[in-house]
C-alpha atoms as a PDB file:
ATOM      1  CA  MET A   1      -0.017   0.134   0.026  1.00  0.00           C
ATOM      2  CA  LYS A   2       2.859   2.288   0.796  1.00  0.00           C
ATOM      3  CA  LYS A   3       3.761   2.710  -3.022  1.00  0.00           C
ATOM      4  CA  TYR A   4       0.253   4.235  -3.716  1.00  0.00           C
ATOM      5  CA  LEU A   5       0.160   6.572  -0.662  1.00  0.00           C
ATOM      6  CA  GLN A   6       1.498   9.538  -2.884  1.00  0.00           C
ATOM      7  CA  LEU A   7      -1.457   8.915  -5.470  1.00  0.00           C
ATOM      8  CA  LEU A   8      -3.886   8.681  -2.601  1.00  0.00           C
ATOM      9  CA  LYS A   9      -2.664  11.968  -1.081  1.00  0.00           C
ATOM     10  CA  LYS A  10      -3.794  13.784  -4.600  1.00  0.00           C
ATOM     11  CA  THR A  11      -7.150  12.275  -5.000  1.00  0.00           C
ATOM     12  CA  ARG A  12     -10.254  14.083  -4.041  1.00  0.00           C
ATOM     13  CA  LEU A  13     -11.409  11.663  -1.334  1.00  0.00           C
ATOM     14  CA  PHE A  14      -8.342  12.031   0.918  1.00  0.00           C
ATOM     15  CA  ASN A  15      -7.923  15.678  -0.244  1.00  0.00           C
ATOM     16  CA  GLY A  16      -6.585  17.631   3.214  1.00  0.00           C
ATOM     17  CA  ILE A  17      -5.597  14.508   4.974  1.00  0.00           C
ATOM     18  CA  ALA A  18      -1.789  14.006   5.899  1.00  0.00           C
ATOM     19  CA  GLU A  19       0.051  11.156   5.020  1.00  0.00           C
ATOM     20  CA  ASP A  20       0.510   9.835   8.696  1.00  0.00           C
ATOM     21  CA  GLU A  21      -3.318  10.060   9.097  1.00  0.00           C
ATOM     22  CA  LEU A  22      -4.102   8.469   6.059  1.00  0.00           C
ATOM     23  CA  GLU A  23      -2.086   5.379   6.735  1.00  0.00           C
ATOM     24  CA  ALA A  24      -4.307   5.169   9.953  1.00  0.00           C
ATOM     25  CA  MET A  25      -7.391   5.731   8.090  1.00  0.00           C
ATOM     26  CA  LEU A  26      -7.012   3.067   5.501  1.00  0.00           C
ATOM     27  CA  GLY A  27      -6.828   0.797   8.641  1.00  0.00           C
ATOM     28  CA  CYS A  28      -9.726   2.096   9.759  1.00  0.00           C
ATOM     29  CA  LEU A  29     -11.452   1.814   6.238  1.00  0.00           C
ATOM     30  CA  SER A  30     -10.643  -2.081   6.040  1.00  0.00           C
ATOM     31  CA  ALA A  31      -8.703  -1.225   2.976  1.00  0.00           C
ATOM     32  CA  VAL A  32      -7.641  -4.018   0.991  1.00  0.00           C
ATOM     33  CA  THR A  33      -6.333  -3.989  -2.855  1.00  0.00           C
ATOM     34  CA  ARG A  34      -6.635  -6.244  -5.741  1.00  0.00           C
ATOM     35  CA  SER A  35      -5.174  -6.963  -8.934  1.00  0.00           C
ATOM     36  CA  TYR A  36      -7.098  -7.278 -12.366  1.00  0.00           C
ATOM     37  CA  GLN A  37      -5.909  -8.679 -15.571  1.00  0.00           C
ATOM     38  CA  LYS A  38      -6.910  -6.927 -19.461  1.00  0.00           C
ATOM     39  CA  GLY A  39     -10.800  -8.142 -19.762  1.00  0.00           C
ATOM     40  CA  GLU A  40     -11.514  -9.006 -16.217  1.00  0.00           C
ATOM     41  CA  TYR A  41     -14.356  -7.711 -14.318  1.00  0.00           C
ATOM     42  CA  VAL A  42     -14.106  -5.688 -11.331  1.00  0.00           C
ATOM     43  CA  PHE A  43     -17.919  -5.720 -10.731  1.00  0.00           C
ATOM     44  CA  ARG A  44     -20.939  -7.402 -12.927  1.00  0.00           C
ATOM     45  CA  ARG A  45     -24.465  -6.523 -13.321  1.00  0.00           C
ATOM     46  CA  GLY A  46     -26.534  -7.712 -11.037  1.00  0.00           C
ATOM     47  CA  GLU A  47     -24.056  -8.182  -7.945  1.00  0.00           C
ATOM     48  CA  HIS A  48     -24.533  -6.347  -4.577  1.00  0.00           C
ATOM     49  CA  ILE A  49     -21.602  -4.305  -3.199  1.00  0.00           C
ATOM     50  CA  THR A  50     -20.657  -3.011  -0.106  1.00  0.00           C
ATOM     51  CA  ASN A  51     -17.348  -1.402  -0.811  1.00  0.00           C
ATOM     52  CA  VAL A  52     -16.216   1.754  -2.458  1.00  0.00           C
ATOM     53  CA  ALA A  53     -13.645   1.241  -5.486  1.00  0.00           C
ATOM     54  CA  MET A  54     -10.850   3.376  -6.368  1.00  0.00           C
ATOM     55  CA  LEU A  55      -8.612   3.057  -9.291  1.00  0.00           C
ATOM     56  CA  LEU A  56      -4.936   2.820  -8.321  1.00  0.00           C
ATOM     57  CA  GLU A  57      -3.326   1.701 -11.438  1.00  0.00           C
ATOM     58  CA  GLY A  58      -4.432   1.190 -15.002  1.00  0.00           C
ATOM     59  CA  SER A  59      -7.655   1.782 -16.456  1.00  0.00           C
ATOM     60  CA  ILE A  60     -11.529   0.665 -15.716  1.00  0.00           C
ATOM     61  CA  HIS A  61     -14.315   1.037 -18.447  1.00  0.00           C
ATOM     62  CA  ILE A  62     -17.960   1.569 -17.180  1.00  0.00           C
ATOM     63  CA  GLN A  63     -20.047  -0.616 -19.790  1.00  0.00           C
ATOM     64  CA  LYS A  64     -23.485  -1.309 -20.218  1.00  0.00           C
ATOM     65  CA  GLU A  65     -24.584  -4.431 -22.636  1.00  0.00           C
ATOM     66  CA  ASP A  66     -27.864  -4.668 -23.774  1.00  0.00           C
ATOM     67  CA  TYR A  67     -30.094  -7.782 -24.583  1.00  0.00           C
ATOM     68  CA  TRP A  68     -28.413  -8.581 -28.237  1.00  0.00           C
ATOM     69  CA  GLY A  69     -24.600  -7.664 -27.263  1.00  0.00           C
ATOM     70  CA  ASN A  70     -24.513  -4.182 -27.978  1.00  0.00           C
ATOM     71  CA  LEU A  71     -21.851  -2.443 -25.868  1.00  0.00           C
ATOM     72  CA  SER A  72     -22.076   1.099 -24.416  1.00  0.00           C
ATOM     73  CA  ILE A  73     -19.047   2.950 -22.547  1.00  0.00           C
ATOM     74  CA  LEU A  74     -20.904   4.944 -19.954  1.00  0.00           C
ATOM     75  CA  ASN A  75     -17.345   6.461 -18.430  1.00  0.00           C
ATOM     76  CA  GLU A  76     -13.884   5.804 -18.193  1.00  0.00           C
ATOM     77  CA  ILE A  77     -11.898   5.657 -14.630  1.00  0.00           C
ATOM     78  CA  SER A  78      -8.644   7.059 -14.486  1.00  0.00           C
ATOM     79  CA  GLU A  79      -6.120   6.526 -11.569  1.00  0.00           C
ATOM     80  CA  GLY A  80      -7.201   8.028  -8.222  1.00  0.00           C
ATOM     81  CA  GLU A  81     -10.625   8.189  -9.209  1.00  0.00           C
ATOM     82  CA  LEU A  82     -13.788   6.362  -7.459  1.00  0.00           C
ATOM     83  CA  PHE A  83     -16.313   3.735  -8.826  1.00  0.00           C
ATOM     84  CA  GLY A  84     -19.308   1.743  -7.694  1.00  0.00           C
ATOM     85  CA  GLU A  85     -19.670   4.362  -4.921  1.00  0.00           C
ATOM     86  CA  VAL A  86     -23.360   4.799  -5.570  1.00  0.00           C
ATOM     87  CA  TYR A  87     -24.385   1.256  -5.399  1.00  0.00           C
ATOM     88  CA  ALA A  88     -21.977   0.822  -1.976  1.00  0.00           C
ATOM     89  CA  CYS A  89     -24.268   3.742  -0.563  1.00  0.00           C
ATOM     90  CA  LEU A  90     -27.484   2.499  -1.826  1.00  0.00           C
ATOM     91  CA  GLY A  91     -26.799  -1.243   0.211  1.00  0.00           C
ATOM     92  CA  ASN A  92     -29.462  -3.682  -1.432  1.00  0.00           C
ATOM     93  CA  ASP A  93     -29.765  -2.284  -5.336  1.00  0.00           C
ATOM     94  CA  GLU A  94     -28.123  -4.279  -7.600  1.00  0.00           C
ATOM     95  CA  ILE A  95     -25.307  -2.815 -10.044  1.00  0.00           C
ATOM     96  CA  LEU A  96     -26.586  -1.888 -13.422  1.00  0.00           C
ATOM     97  CA  ASN A  97     -23.470  -1.817 -15.345  1.00  0.00           C
ATOM     98  CA  ASN A  98     -19.919  -3.871 -15.493  1.00  0.00           C
ATOM     99  CA  ALA A  99     -16.910  -2.464 -14.448  1.00  0.00           C
ATOM    100  CA  VAL A 100     -14.290  -3.936 -16.768  1.00  0.00           C
ATOM    101  CA  SER A 101     -10.474  -3.590 -16.605  1.00  0.00           C
ATOM    102  CA  VAL A 102      -8.941  -2.740 -19.665  1.00  0.00           C
ATOM    103  CA  LYS A 103      -5.272  -2.661 -18.812  1.00  0.00           C
ATOM    104  CA  ASN A 104      -3.558  -4.434 -16.066  1.00  0.00           C
ATOM    105  CA  SER A 105      -5.120  -2.830 -13.152  1.00  0.00           C
ATOM    106  CA  THR A 106      -4.859  -2.462  -9.384  1.00  0.00           C
ATOM    107  CA  VAL A 107      -7.817  -1.530  -7.323  1.00  0.00           C
ATOM    108  CA  LEU A 108      -8.456  -0.139  -3.787  1.00  0.00           C
ATOM    109  CA  PHE A 109     -11.593  -1.292  -1.823  1.00  0.00           C
ATOM    110  CA  LEU A 110     -12.989   0.681   1.054  1.00  0.00           C
ATOM    111  CA  ASP A 111     -15.754  -0.237   3.344  1.00  0.00           C
ATOM    112  CA  VAL A 112     -18.616   1.786   2.959  1.00  0.00           C
ATOM    113  CA  ASN A 113     -20.106   1.551   6.486  1.00  0.00           C
ATOM    114  CA  ARG A 114     -16.889   2.458   8.026  1.00  0.00           C
ATOM    115  CA  LEU A 115     -16.351   5.366   5.273  1.00  0.00           C
ATOM    116  CA  LEU A 116     -19.948   6.530   6.411  1.00  0.00           C
ATOM    117  CA  THR A 117     -19.712   6.283   9.990  1.00  0.00           C
ATOM    118  CA  THR A 118     -17.448   8.127  12.561  1.00  0.00           C
ATOM    119  CA  CYS A 119     -15.318   5.148  13.948  1.00  0.00           C
ATOM    120  CA  PRO A 120     -14.950   4.683  17.472  1.00  0.00           C
ATOM    121  CA  SER A 121     -11.760   6.217  18.051  1.00  0.00           C
ATOM    122  CA  ALA A 122     -13.408   9.274  16.252  1.00  0.00           C
ATOM    123  CA  CYS A 123     -10.553   9.865  13.505  1.00  0.00           C
ATOM    124  CA  GLN A 124      -9.983  13.874  13.439  1.00  0.00           C
ATOM    125  CA  PHE A 125     -10.121  13.954   9.582  1.00  0.00           C
ATOM    126  CA  HIS A 126     -13.384  11.422   9.231  1.00  0.00           C
ATOM    127  CA  GLY A 127     -15.412  14.267   8.836  1.00  0.00           C
ATOM    128  CA  ARG A 128     -13.383  15.912   5.888  1.00  0.00           C
ATOM    129  CA  LEU A 129     -13.539  12.333   4.123  1.00  0.00           C
ATOM    130  CA  ILE A 130     -17.299  12.380   4.130  1.00  0.00           C
ATOM    131  CA  GLN A 131     -17.112  15.958   2.952  1.00  0.00           C
ATOM    132  CA  ASN A 132     -14.793  14.660   0.061  1.00  0.00           C
ATOM    133  CA  LEU A 133     -17.057  11.827  -0.964  1.00  0.00           C
ATOM    134  CA  LEU A 134     -20.141  14.327  -1.481  1.00  0.00           C
ATOM    135  CA  SER A 135     -17.495  16.157  -3.368  1.00  0.00           C
ATOM    136  CA  VAL A 136     -16.917  13.416  -5.685  1.00  0.00           C
ATOM    137  CA  LEU A 137     -20.164  12.562  -6.128  1.00  0.00           C
ATOM    138  CA  ALA A 138     -21.210  15.918  -7.047  1.00  0.00           C
ATOM    139  CA  LEU A 139     -18.428  16.083  -9.615  1.00  0.00           C
ATOM    140  CA  LYS A 140     -19.542  12.513 -10.931  1.00  0.00           C
ATOM    141  CA  ASN A 141     -23.234  14.369 -11.248  1.00  0.00           C
ATOM    142  CA  LYS A 142     -21.579  17.202 -13.393  1.00  0.00           C
ATOM    143  CA  ALA A 143     -19.746  14.583 -15.599  1.00  0.00           C
ATOM    144  CA  LEU A 144     -22.873  12.986 -16.334  1.00  0.00           C
ATOM    145  CA  THR A 145     -24.352  15.940 -17.177  1.00  0.00           C
ATOM    146  CA  GLN A 146     -21.592  16.738 -19.488  1.00  0.00           C
ATOM    147  CA  LYS A 147     -22.070  13.372 -21.559  1.00  0.00           C
ATOM    148  CA  LEU A 148     -25.861  13.925 -21.636  1.00  0.00           C
ATOM    149  CA  GLU A 149     -24.818  17.257 -23.498  1.00  0.00           C
ATOM    150  CA  HIS A 150     -22.634  15.258 -26.115  1.00  0.00           C
ATOM    151  CA  MET A 151     -25.597  12.387 -26.263  1.00  0.00           C
ATOM    152  CA  SER A 152     -28.396  14.690 -26.847  1.00  0.00           C
ATOM    153  CA  GLN A 153     -26.910  16.262 -29.926  1.00  0.00           C
ATOM    154  CA  ARG A 154     -28.284  15.218 -33.370  1.00  0.00           C
ATOM    155  CA  SER A 155     -25.960  14.169 -35.765  1.00  0.00           C
ATOM    156  CA  THR A 156     -22.465  11.993 -35.079  1.00  0.00           C
ATOM    157  CA  ARG A 157     -20.591  15.169 -36.261  1.00  0.00           C
ATOM    158  CA  GLU A 158     -22.170  17.239 -33.648  1.00  0.00           C
ATOM    159  CA  LYS A 159     -21.566  14.572 -31.232  1.00  0.00           C
ATOM    160  CA  LEU A 160     -18.124  14.493 -31.782  1.00  0.00           C
ATOM    161  CA  LEU A 161     -17.228  18.240 -31.840  1.00  0.00           C
ATOM    162  CA  SER A 162     -19.186  18.372 -28.507  1.00  0.00           C
ATOM    163  CA  TYR A 163     -16.958  15.659 -26.901  1.00  0.00           C
ATOM    164  CA  LEU A 164     -13.787  17.081 -28.528  1.00  0.00           C
ATOM    165  CA  SER A 165     -14.630  20.574 -27.782  1.00  0.00           C
ATOM    166  CA  GLU A 166     -15.125  19.393 -23.950  1.00  0.00           C
ATOM    167  CA  GLN A 167     -11.666  17.484 -24.015  1.00  0.00           C
ATOM    168  CA  SER A 168      -9.835  20.335 -25.425  1.00  0.00           C
ATOM    169  CA  LEU A 169     -11.294  22.911 -22.825  1.00  0.00           C
ATOM    170  CA  LYS A 170     -10.176  20.433 -20.047  1.00  0.00           C
ATOM    171  CA  ALA A 171      -6.484  20.027 -21.477  1.00  0.00           C
ATOM    172  CA  GLY A 172      -6.635  24.024 -21.826  1.00  0.00           C
ATOM    173  CA  CYS A 173      -5.147  23.550 -25.266  1.00  0.00           C
ATOM    174  CA  PRO A 174      -6.225  22.736 -28.947  1.00  0.00           C
ATOM    175  CA  SER A 175      -4.121  19.822 -29.260  1.00  0.00           C
ATOM    176  CA  PHE A 176      -5.056  16.892 -26.556  1.00  0.00           C
ATOM    177  CA  ASP A 177      -5.144  12.958 -26.170  1.00  0.00           C
ATOM    178  CA  ILE A 178      -8.432  11.211 -25.375  1.00  0.00           C
ATOM    179  CA  PRO A 179      -8.662   7.960 -23.239  1.00  0.00           C
ATOM    180  CA  PHE A 180     -10.239   5.892 -26.310  1.00  0.00           C
ATOM    181  CA  ASN A 181      -9.453   3.895 -29.189  1.00  0.00           C
ATOM    182  CA  ARG A 182     -11.938   4.350 -32.156  1.00  0.00           C
ATOM    183  CA  GLN A 183     -14.050   1.525 -31.353  1.00  0.00           C
ATOM    184  CA  GLN A 184     -14.166   2.775 -27.501  1.00  0.00           C
ATOM    185  CA  LEU A 185     -15.390   6.246 -28.802  1.00  0.00           C
ATOM    186  CA  ALA A 186     -18.100   5.198 -30.671  1.00  0.00           C
ATOM    187  CA  ASP A 187     -19.452   2.923 -27.776  1.00  0.00           C
ATOM    188  CA  PHE A 188     -18.891   5.964 -25.637  1.00  0.00           C
ATOM    189  CA  LEU A 189     -20.915   8.360 -27.845  1.00  0.00           C
ATOM    190  CA  SER A 190     -23.327   5.332 -29.071  1.00  0.00           C
ATOM    191  CA  VAL A 191     -22.798   5.827 -32.589  1.00  0.00           C
ATOM    192  CA  ASP A 192     -21.543   3.646 -35.398  1.00  0.00           C
ATOM    193  CA  ARG A 193     -18.102   2.995 -35.869  1.00  0.00           C
ATOM    194  CA  SER A 194     -17.754   3.540 -39.799  1.00  0.00           C
ATOM    195  CA  ALA A 195     -20.151   6.398 -39.693  1.00  0.00           C
ATOM    196  CA  MET A 196     -18.057   8.065 -37.085  1.00  0.00           C
ATOM    197  CA  SER A 197     -14.848   7.081 -38.971  1.00  0.00           C
ATOM    198  CA  ASN A 198     -15.851   8.647 -41.957  1.00  0.00           C
ATOM    199  CA  GLU A 199     -17.279  11.888 -40.300  1.00  0.00           C
ATOM    200  CA  LEU A 200     -13.802  12.301 -38.626  1.00  0.00           C
ATOM    201  CA  CYS A 201     -11.916  12.170 -42.051  1.00  0.00           C
ATOM    202  CA  LYS A 202     -14.551  14.572 -43.629  1.00  0.00           C
ATOM    203  CA  MET A 203     -13.965  16.970 -40.768  1.00  0.00           C
ATOM    204  CA  ARG A 204     -10.005  16.586 -41.313  1.00  0.00           C
ATOM    205  CA  ASP A 205     -10.579  17.280 -45.209  1.00  0.00           C
ATOM    206  CA  GLU A 206     -12.518  20.360 -44.318  1.00  0.00           C
ATOM    207  CA  GLY A 207      -9.870  21.599 -42.106  1.00  0.00           C
ATOM    208  CA  ILE A 208     -11.802  21.435 -38.973  1.00  0.00           C
ATOM    209  CA  LEU A 209      -9.337  19.163 -37.348  1.00  0.00           C
ATOM    210  CA  GLU A 210      -6.717  17.163 -37.423  1.00  0.00           C
ATOM    211  CA  PHE A 211      -5.959  13.510 -35.773  1.00  0.00           C
ATOM    212  CA  ASP A 212      -3.485  10.404 -35.173  1.00  0.00           C
ATOM    213  CA  ARG A 213      -4.924   7.550 -33.380  1.00  0.00           C
ATOM    214  CA  SER A 214      -6.051   9.140 -30.107  1.00  0.00           C
ATOM    215  CA  HIS A 215      -4.396  12.590 -30.304  1.00  0.00           C
ATOM    216  CA  PHE A 216      -6.415  15.277 -31.772  1.00  0.00           C
ATOM    217  CA  LEU A 217      -5.928  18.987 -32.928  1.00  0.00           C
ATOM    218  CA  LEU A 218      -8.871  21.206 -33.366  1.00  0.00           C
ATOM    219  CA  LYS A 219      -8.242  24.275 -35.742  1.00  0.00           C
END
């Protein structure tokens, strides 16, 4: 666990908590780490969970698959981000989506009941931890709103431009990388991959953008 302390200190969940307090708090929260190979499921649809998960290393996609096997990527989890927190807090509700490791990944699990309840030893920073969790949930809601804005666009081109514009603003630069390959981007935006690739080529020919794999430049 010590190798990840510097990462944990920078996360929103542990913001404002000193390293010595953090080590003690991890014990209080019954923290455990598990490793997953590429393609393994961290959570599966229909499961009940009692642990909040945080990605320490690798990459996780939150995916939804319908009856016919059509895949949609709902979210991409980066290192230091939480996932599964909503279902852990709800308790008895079944998970509606899958969490899949798309790279070899290491995940930290925290007992949600210990996280939400002040411990018997009354950790000085436990109240801060709960405030931080609320902040994380608010940011997740904001991200969902942003995705809905992309999805509400009528055409494939408009969805692409909406998403790429957001990524450019997030990077603070017209040149940026996205966390998806072509198929993953199509699944994230719920568009046909071939139609999306054709639209990207058209916009490149029109001088709107340039791209190389997952790197984009907006003009």
